[in-house]
């Protein structure tokens, strides 16, 4: 794993980075007011929007995490991790099967 974040579906690299790159390149290659035509207003507006959306998203996500974690702890104990979450959270047991 390249990161310590628990993102098994790679949601941020897929949707987050794709959206950021798309927003930047739209401001670069726009036919009217794009950075490629020498105009900077649209590009700077897009950069400002990225900062605002990033701050809003981070703040909202952190607030929801904080509220949820206060109601239901989102982190399991080290003991539960060592035993395995299938057993401790779902009472799920596995059976070794012989395959010929």
PDB file of N, CA and C in Angstrom:
ATOM      1  N   UNK A   1       0.836  -1.177   0.000  1.00  0.00           N
ATOM      2  CA  UNK A   1       0.000   0.000   0.000  1.00  0.00           C
ATOM      3  C   UNK A   1       0.886   1.248   0.000  1.00  0.00           C
ATOM      4  N   UNK A   2       0.557   2.197  -0.828  1.00  0.00           N
ATOM      5  CA  UNK A   2       1.346   3.416  -0.955  1.00  0.00           C
ATOM      6  C   UNK A   2       0.929   4.478   0.049  1.00  0.00           C
ATOM      7  N   UNK A   3      -0.156   4.262   0.741  1.00  0.00           N
ATOM      8  CA  UNK A   3      -0.700   5.269   1.640  1.00  0.00           C
ATOM      9  C   UNK A   3      -1.201   4.595   2.908  1.00  0.00           C
ATOM     10  N   UNK A   4      -1.328   5.366   3.976  1.00  0.00           N
ATOM     11  CA  UNK A   4      -1.869   4.817   5.218  1.00  0.00           C
ATOM     12  C   UNK A   4      -3.383   4.986   5.290  1.00  0.00           C
ATOM     13  N   UNK A   5      -3.985   5.608   4.283  1.00  0.00           N
ATOM     14  CA  UNK A   5      -5.435   5.787   4.262  1.00  0.00           C
ATOM     15  C   UNK A   5      -6.115   4.489   3.866  1.00  0.00           C
ATOM     16  N   UNK A   6      -7.241   4.212   4.491  1.00  0.00           N
ATOM     17  CA  UNK A   6      -7.999   3.007   4.189  1.00  0.00           C
ATOM     18  C   UNK A   6      -8.980   3.322   3.066  1.00  0.00           C
ATOM     19  N   UNK A   7      -8.506   3.232   1.846  1.00  0.00           N
ATOM     20  CA  UNK A   7      -9.312   3.536   0.661  1.00  0.00           C
ATOM     21  C   UNK A   7      -9.205   2.350  -0.292  1.00  0.00           C
ATOM     22  N   UNK A   8      -9.862   1.247   0.071  1.00  0.00           N
ATOM     23  CA  UNK A   8      -9.710   0.010  -0.694  1.00  0.00           C
ATOM     24  C   UNK A   8     -10.260   0.122  -2.107  1.00  0.00           C
ATOM     25  N   UNK A   9     -11.184   1.010  -2.345  1.00  0.00           N
ATOM     26  CA  UNK A   9     -11.765   1.152  -3.683  1.00  0.00           C
ATOM     27  C   UNK A   9     -11.078   2.226  -4.510  1.00  0.00           C
ATOM     28  N   UNK A  10     -10.046   2.865  -3.958  1.00  0.00           N
ATOM     29  CA  UNK A  10      -9.331   3.943  -4.648  1.00  0.00           C
ATOM     30  C   UNK A  10     -10.289   5.022  -5.148  1.00  0.00           C
ATOM     31  N   UNK A  11     -11.191   5.442  -4.287  1.00  0.00           N
ATOM     32  CA  UNK A  11     -12.193   6.441  -4.655  1.00  0.00           C
ATOM     33  C   UNK A  11     -11.550   7.793  -4.944  1.00  0.00           C
ATOM     34  N   UNK A  12     -10.641   8.243  -4.068  1.00  0.00           N
ATOM     35  CA  UNK A  12     -10.037   9.558  -4.302  1.00  0.00           C
ATOM     36  C   UNK A  12      -9.178   9.595  -5.563  1.00  0.00           C
ATOM     37  N   UNK A  13      -8.291   8.629  -5.783  1.00  0.00           N
ATOM     38  CA  UNK A  13      -7.514   8.691  -7.034  1.00  0.00           C
ATOM     39  C   UNK A  13      -8.398   8.679  -8.279  1.00  0.00           C
ATOM     40  N   UNK A  14      -9.489   7.945  -8.228  1.00  0.00           N
ATOM     41  CA  UNK A  14     -10.367   7.846  -9.398  1.00  0.00           C
ATOM     42  C   UNK A  14     -11.208   9.110  -9.583  1.00  0.00           C
ATOM     43  N   UNK A  15     -11.973   9.471  -8.584  1.00  0.00           N
ATOM     44  CA  UNK A  15     -12.917  10.577  -8.723  1.00  0.00           C
ATOM     45  C   UNK A  15     -12.313  11.923  -8.335  1.00  0.00           C
ATOM     46  N   UNK A  16     -11.549  11.959  -7.256  1.00  0.00           N
ATOM     47  CA  UNK A  16     -10.974  13.217  -6.795  1.00  0.00           C
ATOM     48  C   UNK A  16      -9.939  13.770  -7.751  1.00  0.00           C
ATOM     49  N   UNK A  17      -8.936  12.967  -8.072  1.00  0.00           N
ATOM     50  CA  UNK A  17      -7.890  13.447  -8.976  1.00  0.00           C
ATOM     51  C   UNK A  17      -8.419  13.659 -10.388  1.00  0.00           C
ATOM     52  N   UNK A  18      -9.330  12.801 -10.824  1.00  0.00           N
ATOM     53  CA  UNK A  18      -9.937  12.994 -12.146  1.00  0.00           C
ATOM     54  C   UNK A  18     -10.688  14.311 -12.233  1.00  0.00           C
ATOM     55  N   UNK A  19     -11.419  14.655 -11.183  1.00  0.00           N
ATOM     56  CA  UNK A  19     -12.147  15.921 -11.154  1.00  0.00           C
ATOM     57  C   UNK A  19     -11.225  17.126 -11.106  1.00  0.00           C
ATOM     58  N   UNK A  20     -10.157  17.015 -10.317  1.00  0.00           N
ATOM     59  CA  UNK A  20      -9.194  18.121 -10.217  1.00  0.00           C
ATOM     60  C   UNK A  20      -8.510  18.359 -11.551  1.00  0.00           C
ATOM     61  N   UNK A  21      -8.017  17.290 -12.164  1.00  0.00           N
ATOM     62  CA  UNK A  21      -7.337  17.423 -13.462  1.00  0.00           C
ATOM     63  C   UNK A  21      -8.299  17.954 -14.517  1.00  0.00           C
ATOM     64  N   UNK A  22      -9.529  17.458 -14.525  1.00  0.00           N
ATOM     65  CA  UNK A  22     -10.522  17.932 -15.483  1.00  0.00           C
ATOM     66  C   UNK A  22     -10.834  19.406 -15.313  1.00  0.00           C
ATOM     67  N   UNK A  23     -10.933  19.858 -14.079  1.00  0.00           N
ATOM     68  CA  UNK A  23     -11.231  21.269 -13.834  1.00  0.00           C
ATOM     69  C   UNK A  23     -10.067  22.163 -14.260  1.00  0.00           C
ATOM     70  N   UNK A  24      -8.852  21.724 -13.977  1.00  0.00           N
ATOM     71  CA  UNK A  24      -7.678  22.512 -14.376  1.00  0.00           C
ATOM     72  C   UNK A  24      -7.555  22.563 -15.892  1.00  0.00           C
ATOM     73  N   UNK A  25      -7.676  21.416 -16.543  1.00  0.00           N
ATOM     74  CA  UNK A  25      -7.494  21.382 -17.997  1.00  0.00           C
ATOM     75  C   UNK A  25      -8.620  22.086 -18.741  1.00  0.00           C
ATOM     76  N   UNK A  26      -9.819  22.112 -18.163  1.00  0.00           N
ATOM     77  CA  UNK A  26     -10.900  22.887 -18.773  1.00  0.00           C
ATOM     78  C   UNK A  26     -10.526  24.362 -18.808  1.00  0.00           C
ATOM     79  N   UNK A  27      -9.940  24.858 -17.722  1.00  0.00           N
ATOM     80  CA  UNK A  27      -9.520  26.263 -17.674  1.00  0.00           C
ATOM     81  C   UNK A  27      -8.333  26.529 -18.588  1.00  0.00           C
ATOM     82  N   UNK A  28      -7.527  25.510 -18.839  1.00  0.00           N
ATOM     83  CA  UNK A  28      -6.367  25.688 -19.723  1.00  0.00           C
ATOM     84  C   UNK A  28      -6.799  25.721 -21.184  1.00  0.00           C
ATOM     85  N   UNK A  29      -7.649  24.781 -21.593  1.00  0.00           N
ATOM     86  CA  UNK A  29      -7.970  24.611 -23.009  1.00  0.00           C
ATOM     87  C   UNK A  29      -9.300  25.221 -23.450  1.00  0.00           C
ATOM     88  N   UNK A  30      -9.958  26.001 -22.608  1.00  0.00           N
ATOM     89  CA  UNK A  30     -11.225  26.635 -22.994  1.00  0.00           C
ATOM     90  C   UNK A  30     -11.006  27.542 -24.203  1.00  0.00           C
ATOM     91  N   UNK A  31     -11.938  27.478 -25.158  1.00  0.00           N
ATOM     92  CA  UNK A  31     -11.799  28.270 -26.380  1.00  0.00           C
ATOM     93  C   UNK A  31     -11.921  29.764 -26.112  1.00  0.00           C
ATOM     94  N   UNK A  32     -12.757  30.115 -25.155  1.00  0.00           N
ATOM     95  CA  UNK A  32     -12.913  31.528 -24.798  1.00  0.00           C
ATOM     96  C   UNK A  32     -12.423  31.732 -23.371  1.00  0.00           C
ATOM     97  N   UNK A  33     -11.351  32.466 -23.197  1.00  0.00           N
ATOM     98  CA  UNK A  33     -10.837  32.781 -21.870  1.00  0.00           C
ATOM     99  C   UNK A  33      -9.898  31.748 -21.292  1.00  0.00           C
ATOM    100  N   UNK A  34      -9.534  30.745 -22.068  1.00  0.00           N
ATOM    101  CA  UNK A  34      -8.643  29.708 -21.566  1.00  0.00           C
ATOM    102  C   UNK A  34      -7.208  30.192 -21.433  1.00  0.00           C
ATOM    103  N   UNK A  35      -6.444  29.515 -20.613  1.00  0.00           N
ATOM    104  CA  UNK A  35      -5.048  29.877 -20.384  1.00  0.00           C
ATOM    105  C   UNK A  35      -4.230  29.758 -21.664  1.00  0.00           C
ATOM    106  N   UNK A  36      -4.600  28.838 -22.525  1.00  0.00           N
ATOM    107  CA  UNK A  36      -3.874  28.633 -23.779  1.00  0.00           C
ATOM    108  C   UNK A  36      -4.017  29.828 -24.726  1.00  0.00           C
ATOM    109  N   UNK A  37      -5.078  30.614 -24.543  1.00  0.00           N
ATOM    110  CA  UNK A  37      -5.270  31.812 -25.378  1.00  0.00           C
ATOM    111  C   UNK A  37      -4.649  33.058 -24.746  1.00  0.00           C
ATOM    112  N   UNK A  38      -4.013  32.892 -23.592  1.00  0.00           N
ATOM    113  CA  UNK A  38      -3.356  34.019 -22.942  1.00  0.00           C
ATOM    114  C   UNK A  38      -4.159  34.671 -21.839  1.00  0.00           C
ATOM    115  N   UNK A  39      -5.385  34.249 -21.652  1.00  0.00           N
ATOM    116  CA  UNK A  39      -6.234  34.803 -20.583  1.00  0.00           C
ATOM    117  C   UNK A  39      -5.970  34.044 -19.278  1.00  0.00           C
ATOM    118  N   UNK A  40      -5.961  34.738 -18.173  1.00  0.00           N
ATOM    119  CA  UNK A  40      -5.710  34.079 -16.886  1.00  0.00           C
ATOM    120  C   UNK A  40      -6.912  34.094 -15.943  1.00  0.00           C
ATOM    121  N   UNK A  41      -7.928  34.884 -16.248  1.00  0.00           N
ATOM    122  CA  UNK A  41      -9.065  35.037 -15.335  1.00  0.00           C
ATOM    123  C   UNK A  41      -9.778  33.716 -15.082  1.00  0.00           C
ATOM    124  N   UNK A  42     -10.107  32.988 -16.127  1.00  0.00           N
ATOM    125  CA  UNK A  42     -10.816  31.718 -15.975  1.00  0.00           C
ATOM    126  C   UNK A  42      -9.969  30.719 -15.193  1.00  0.00           C
ATOM    127  N   UNK A  43      -8.689  30.651 -15.515  1.00  0.00           N
ATOM    128  CA  UNK A  43      -7.788  29.726 -14.828  1.00  0.00           C
ATOM    129  C   UNK A  43      -7.717  30.047 -13.335  1.00  0.00           C
ATOM    130  N   UNK A  44      -7.556  31.311 -12.997  1.00  0.00           N
ATOM    131  CA  UNK A  44      -7.482  31.704 -11.586  1.00  0.00           C
ATOM    132  C   UNK A  44      -8.802  31.454 -10.863  1.00  0.00           C
ATOM    133  N   UNK A  45      -9.918  31.668 -11.557  1.00  0.00           N
ATOM    134  CA  UNK A  45     -11.227  31.361 -10.963  1.00  0.00           C
ATOM    135  C   UNK A  45     -11.359  29.868 -10.674  1.00  0.00           C
ATOM    136  N   UNK A  46     -10.875  29.048 -11.592  1.00  0.00           N
ATOM    137  CA  UNK A  46     -10.930  27.598 -11.386  1.00  0.00           C
ATOM    138  C   UNK A  46     -10.033  27.178 -10.220  1.00  0.00           C
ATOM    139  N   UNK A  47      -8.864  27.783 -10.098  1.00  0.00           N
ATOM    140  CA  UNK A  47      -7.970  27.454  -8.981  1.00  0.00           C
ATOM    141  C   UNK A  47      -8.602  27.851  -7.648  1.00  0.00           C
ATOM    142  N   UNK A  48      -9.227  29.023  -7.617  1.00  0.00           N
ATOM    143  CA  UNK A  48      -9.920  29.466  -6.406  1.00  0.00           C
ATOM    144  C   UNK A  48     -11.062  28.510  -6.069  1.00  0.00           C
ATOM    145  N   UNK A  49     -11.812  28.094  -7.082  1.00  0.00           N
ATOM    146  CA  UNK A  49     -12.912  27.153  -6.862  1.00  0.00           C
ATOM    147  C   UNK A  49     -12.391  25.822  -6.324  1.00  0.00           C
ATOM    148  N   UNK A  50     -11.250  25.360  -6.822  1.00  0.00           N
ATOM    149  CA  UNK A  50     -10.665  24.114  -6.313  1.00  0.00           C
ATOM    150  C   UNK A  50     -10.315  24.226  -4.834  1.00  0.00           C
ATOM    151  N   UNK A  51      -9.758  25.352  -4.439  1.00  0.00           N
ATOM    152  CA  UNK A  51      -9.403  25.563  -3.032  1.00  0.00           C
ATOM    153  C   UNK A  51     -10.667  25.603  -2.171  1.00  0.00           C
ATOM    154  N   UNK A  52     -11.685  26.318  -2.628  1.00  0.00           N
ATOM    155  CA  UNK A  52     -12.934  26.428  -1.865  1.00  0.00           C
ATOM    156  C   UNK A  52     -13.615  25.068  -1.741  1.00  0.00           C
ATOM    157  N   UNK A  53     -13.720  24.344  -2.845  1.00  0.00           N
ATOM    158  CA  UNK A  53     -14.360  23.021  -2.817  1.00  0.00           C
ATOM    159  C   UNK A  53     -13.557  22.054  -1.947  1.00  0.00           C
ATOM    160  N   UNK A  54     -12.230  22.107  -2.046  1.00  0.00           N
ATOM    161  CA  UNK A  54     -11.390  21.242  -1.214  1.00  0.00           C
ATOM    162  C   UNK A  54     -11.574  21.516   0.268  1.00  0.00           C
ATOM    163  N   UNK A  55     -11.595  22.792   0.640  1.00  0.00           N
ATOM    164  CA  UNK A  55     -11.779  23.159   2.047  1.00  0.00           C
ATOM    165  C   UNK A  55     -13.171  22.768   2.540  1.00  0.00           C
ATOM    166  N   UNK A  56     -14.189  23.012   1.724  1.00  0.00           N
ATOM    167  CA  UNK A  56     -15.562  22.655   2.095  1.00  0.00           C
ATOM    168  C   UNK A  56     -15.701  21.140   2.263  1.00  0.00           C
ATOM    169  N   UNK A  57     -15.131  20.391   1.333  1.00  0.00           N
ATOM    170  CA  UNK A  57     -15.222  18.932   1.377  1.00  0.00           C
ATOM    171  C   UNK A  57     -14.481  18.373   2.586  1.00  0.00           C
ATOM    172  N   UNK A  58     -13.268  18.871   2.823  1.00  0.00           N
ATOM    173  CA  UNK A  58     -12.502  18.407   3.981  1.00  0.00           C
ATOM    174  C   UNK A  58     -13.227  18.744   5.275  1.00  0.00           C
ATOM    175  N   UNK A  59     -13.687  19.982   5.398  1.00  0.00           N
ATOM    176  CA  UNK A  59     -14.383  20.404   6.612  1.00  0.00           C
ATOM    177  C   UNK A  59     -15.662  19.619   6.855  1.00  0.00           C
ATOM    178  N   UNK A  60     -16.452  19.443   5.808  1.00  0.00           N
ATOM    179  CA  UNK A  60     -17.691  18.680   5.943  1.00  0.00           C
ATOM    180  C   UNK A  60     -17.438  17.224   6.280  1.00  0.00           C
ATOM    181  N   UNK A  61     -16.449  16.628   5.638  1.00  0.00           N
ATOM    182  CA  UNK A  61     -16.112  15.227   5.912  1.00  0.00           C
ATOM    183  C   UNK A  61     -15.610  15.057   7.338  1.00  0.00           C
ATOM    184  N   UNK A  62     -14.767  15.982   7.784  1.00  0.00           N
ATOM    185  CA  UNK A  62     -14.239  15.902   9.147  1.00  0.00           C
ATOM    186  C   UNK A  62     -15.364  16.058  10.169  1.00  0.00           C
ATOM    187  N   UNK A  63     -16.276  16.982   9.924  1.00  0.00           N
ATOM    188  CA  UNK A  63     -17.403  17.183  10.833  1.00  0.00           C
ATOM    189  C   UNK A  63     -18.268  15.922  10.917  1.00  0.00           C
ATOM    190  N   UNK A  64     -18.583  15.338   9.771  1.00  0.00           N
ATOM    191  CA  UNK A  64     -19.385  14.112   9.768  1.00  0.00           C
ATOM    192  C   UNK A  64     -18.653  12.958  10.443  1.00  0.00           C
ATOM    193  N   UNK A  65     -17.338  12.866  10.215  1.00  0.00           N
ATOM    194  CA  UNK A  65     -16.540  11.837  10.892  1.00  0.00           C
ATOM    195  C   UNK A  65     -16.600  12.033  12.403  1.00  0.00           C
ATOM    196  N   UNK A  66     -16.416  13.265  12.860  1.00  0.00           N
ATOM    197  CA  UNK A  66     -16.409  13.567  14.291  1.00  0.00           C
ATOM    198  C   UNK A  66     -17.753  13.208  14.936  1.00  0.00           C
ATOM    199  N   UNK A  67     -18.844  13.582  14.289  1.00  0.00           N
ATOM    200  CA  UNK A  67     -20.179  13.287  14.827  1.00  0.00           C
ATOM    201  C   UNK A  67     -20.427  11.782  14.854  1.00  0.00           C
ATOM    202  N   UNK A  68     -20.124  11.114  13.744  1.00  0.00           N
ATOM    203  CA  UNK A  68     -20.339   9.670  13.671  1.00  0.00           C
ATOM    204  C   UNK A  68     -19.479   8.938  14.687  1.00  0.00           C
ATOM    205  N   UNK A  69     -18.222   9.334  14.818  1.00  0.00           N
ATOM    206  CA  UNK A  69     -17.309   8.686  15.753  1.00  0.00           C
ATOM    207  C   UNK A  69     -17.746   8.894  17.201  1.00  0.00           C
ATOM    208  N   UNK A  70     -18.414  10.010  17.498  1.00  0.00           N
ATOM    209  CA  UNK A  70     -18.923  10.251  18.847  1.00  0.00           C
ATOM    210  C   UNK A  70     -20.099   9.328  19.160  1.00  0.00           C
ATOM    211  N   UNK A  71     -20.878   8.975  18.143  1.00  0.00           N
ATOM    212  CA  UNK A  71     -22.039   8.106  18.340  1.00  0.00           C
ATOM    213  C   UNK A  71     -21.624   6.636  18.301  1.00  0.00           C
ATOM    214  N   UNK A  72     -20.901   6.273  17.264  1.00  0.00           N
ATOM    215  CA  UNK A  72     -20.438   4.897  17.067  1.00  0.00           C
ATOM    216  C   UNK A  72     -18.948   4.958  16.748  1.00  0.00           C
ATOM    217  N   UNK A  73     -18.085   4.491  17.638  1.00  0.00           N
ATOM    218  CA  UNK A  73     -16.648   4.537  17.344  1.00  0.00           C
ATOM    219  C   UNK A  73     -16.328   3.824  16.026  1.00  0.00           C
ATOM    220  N   UNK A  74     -15.580   4.503  15.170  1.00  0.00           N
ATOM    221  CA  UNK A  74     -15.280   3.961  13.852  1.00  0.00           C
ATOM    222  C   UNK A  74     -14.014   3.115  13.837  1.00  0.00           C
ATOM    223  N   UNK A  75     -13.236   3.168  14.891  1.00  0.00           N
ATOM    224  CA  UNK A  75     -11.993   2.410  14.958  1.00  0.00           C
ATOM    225  C   UNK A  75     -12.194   1.222  15.884  1.00  0.00           C
ATOM    226  N   UNK A  76     -11.803   0.029  15.436  1.00  0.00           N
ATOM    227  CA  UNK A  76     -11.893  -1.159  16.280  1.00  0.00           C
ATOM    228  C   UNK A  76     -10.620  -1.274  17.108  1.00  0.00           C
ATOM    229  N   UNK A  77     -10.683  -2.073  18.160  1.00  0.00           N
ATOM    230  CA  UNK A  77      -9.518  -2.243  19.029  1.00  0.00           C
ATOM    231  C   UNK A  77      -8.444  -3.076  18.329  1.00  0.00           C
ATOM    232  N   UNK A  78      -7.212  -2.974  18.847  1.00  0.00           N
ATOM    233  CA  UNK A  78      -6.119  -3.775  18.286  1.00  0.00           C
ATOM    234  C   UNK A  78      -6.405  -5.260  18.459  1.00  0.00           C
ATOM    235  N   UNK A  79      -7.020  -5.611  19.581  1.00  0.00           N
ATOM    236  CA  UNK A  79      -7.361  -7.012  19.837  1.00  0.00           C
ATOM    237  C   UNK A  79      -8.341  -7.529  18.781  1.00  0.00           C
ATOM    238  N   UNK A  80      -9.331  -6.723  18.434  1.00  0.00           N
ATOM    239  CA  UNK A  80     -10.298  -7.124  17.406  1.00  0.00           C
ATOM    240  C   UNK A  80      -9.616  -7.262  16.052  1.00  0.00           C
ATOM    241  N   UNK A  81      -8.669  -6.376  15.756  1.00  0.00           N
ATOM    242  CA  UNK A  81      -7.932  -6.479  14.497  1.00  0.00           C
ATOM    243  C   UNK A  81      -7.119  -7.758  14.441  1.00  0.00           C
ATOM    244  N   UNK A  82      -6.470  -8.099  15.562  1.00  0.00           N
ATOM    245  CA  UNK A  82      -5.644  -9.304  15.599  1.00  0.00           C
ATOM    246  C   UNK A  82      -6.490 -10.564  15.457  1.00  0.00           C
ATOM    247  N   UNK A  83      -7.663 -10.589  16.067  1.00  0.00           N
ATOM    248  CA  UNK A  83      -8.544 -11.750  15.959  1.00  0.00           C
ATOM    249  C   UNK A  83      -9.147 -11.853  14.565  1.00  0.00           C
ATOM    250  N   UNK A  84      -9.312 -10.732  13.933  1.00  0.00           N
ATOM    251  CA  UNK A  84      -9.935 -10.699  12.611  1.00  0.00           C
ATOM    252  C   UNK A  84     -11.327 -10.114  12.708  1.00  0.00           C
ATOM    253  N   UNK A  85     -11.624  -9.159  11.846  1.00  0.00           N
ATOM    254  CA  UNK A  85     -12.910  -8.467  11.925  1.00  0.00           C
ATOM    255  C   UNK A  85     -14.074  -9.348  11.507  1.00  0.00           C
ATOM    256  N   UNK A  86     -13.816 -10.367  10.685  1.00  0.00           N
ATOM    257  CA  UNK A  86     -14.903 -11.283  10.337  1.00  0.00           C
ATOM    258  C   UNK A  86     -15.457 -11.947  11.590  1.00  0.00           C
ATOM    259  N   UNK A  87     -14.572 -12.320  12.502  1.00  0.00           N
ATOM    260  CA  UNK A  87     -15.008 -12.990  13.726  1.00  0.00           C
ATOM    261  C   UNK A  87     -15.589 -11.985  14.719  1.00  0.00           C
ATOM    262  N   UNK A  88     -14.866 -10.900  14.989  1.00  0.00           N
ATOM    263  CA  UNK A  88     -15.288  -9.974  16.049  1.00  0.00           C
ATOM    264  C   UNK A  88     -16.485  -9.111  15.671  1.00  0.00           C
ATOM    265  N   UNK A  89     -16.639  -8.773  14.417  1.00  0.00           N
ATOM    266  CA  UNK A  89     -17.724  -7.886  14.008  1.00  0.00           C
ATOM    267  C   UNK A  89     -18.942  -8.633  13.468  1.00  0.00           C
ATOM    268  N   UNK A  90     -18.691  -9.763  12.802  1.00  0.00           N
ATOM    269  CA  UNK A  90     -19.781 -10.443  12.093  1.00  0.00           C
ATOM    270  C   UNK A  90     -20.005 -11.882  12.552  1.00  0.00           C
ATOM    271  N   UNK A  91     -19.168 -12.358  13.480  1.00  0.00           N
ATOM    272  CA  UNK A  91     -19.221 -13.746  13.939  1.00  0.00           C
ATOM    273  C   UNK A  91     -19.132 -14.720  12.759  1.00  0.00           C
ATOM    274  N   UNK A  92     -18.355 -14.360  11.785  1.00  0.00           N
ATOM    275  CA  UNK A  92     -18.165 -15.160  10.572  1.00  0.00           C
ATOM    276  C   UNK A  92     -16.947 -16.048  10.767  1.00  0.00           C
ATOM    277  N   UNK A  93     -17.108 -17.336  10.539  1.00  0.00           N
ATOM    278  CA  UNK A  93     -15.999 -18.270  10.679  1.00  0.00           C
ATOM    279  C   UNK A  93     -15.728 -18.916   9.328  1.00  0.00           C
ATOM    280  N   UNK A  94     -14.490 -19.261   9.132  1.00  0.00           N
ATOM    281  CA  UNK A  94     -14.128 -19.905   7.874  1.00  0.00           C
ATOM    282  C   UNK A  94     -13.826 -21.378   8.123  1.00  0.00           C
ATOM    283  N   UNK A  95     -14.003 -22.163   7.089  1.00  0.00           N
ATOM    284  CA  UNK A  95     -13.714 -23.593   7.148  1.00  0.00           C
ATOM    285  C   UNK A  95     -12.728 -23.896   6.041  1.00  0.00           C
ATOM    286  N   UNK A  96     -11.648 -24.563   6.413  1.00  0.00           N
ATOM    287  CA  UNK A  96     -10.688 -24.971   5.395  1.00  0.00           C
ATOM    288  C   UNK A  96     -11.274 -26.137   4.620  1.00  0.00           C
ATOM    289  N   UNK A  97     -11.322 -26.008   3.341  1.00  0.00           N
ATOM    290  CA  UNK A  97     -11.878 -27.067   2.498  1.00  0.00           C
ATOM    291  C   UNK A  97     -10.758 -27.686   1.679  1.00  0.00           C
ATOM    292  N   UNK A  98     -10.864 -28.942   1.461  1.00  0.00           N
ATOM    293  CA  UNK A  98      -9.876 -29.645   0.643  1.00  0.00           C
ATOM    294  C   UNK A  98     -10.385 -29.667  -0.786  1.00  0.00           C
ATOM    295  N   UNK A  99      -9.566 -29.176  -1.684  1.00  0.00           N
ATOM    296  CA  UNK A  99      -9.934 -29.151  -3.095  1.00  0.00           C
ATOM    297  C   UNK A  99      -8.979 -30.064  -3.843  1.00  0.00           C
ATOM    298  N   UNK A 100      -9.530 -31.048  -4.518  1.00  0.00           N
ATOM    299  CA  UNK A 100      -8.690 -31.989  -5.291  1.00  0.00           C
ATOM    300  C   UNK A 100      -8.684 -31.638  -6.746  1.00  0.00           C
TER     301      UNK A 100
END
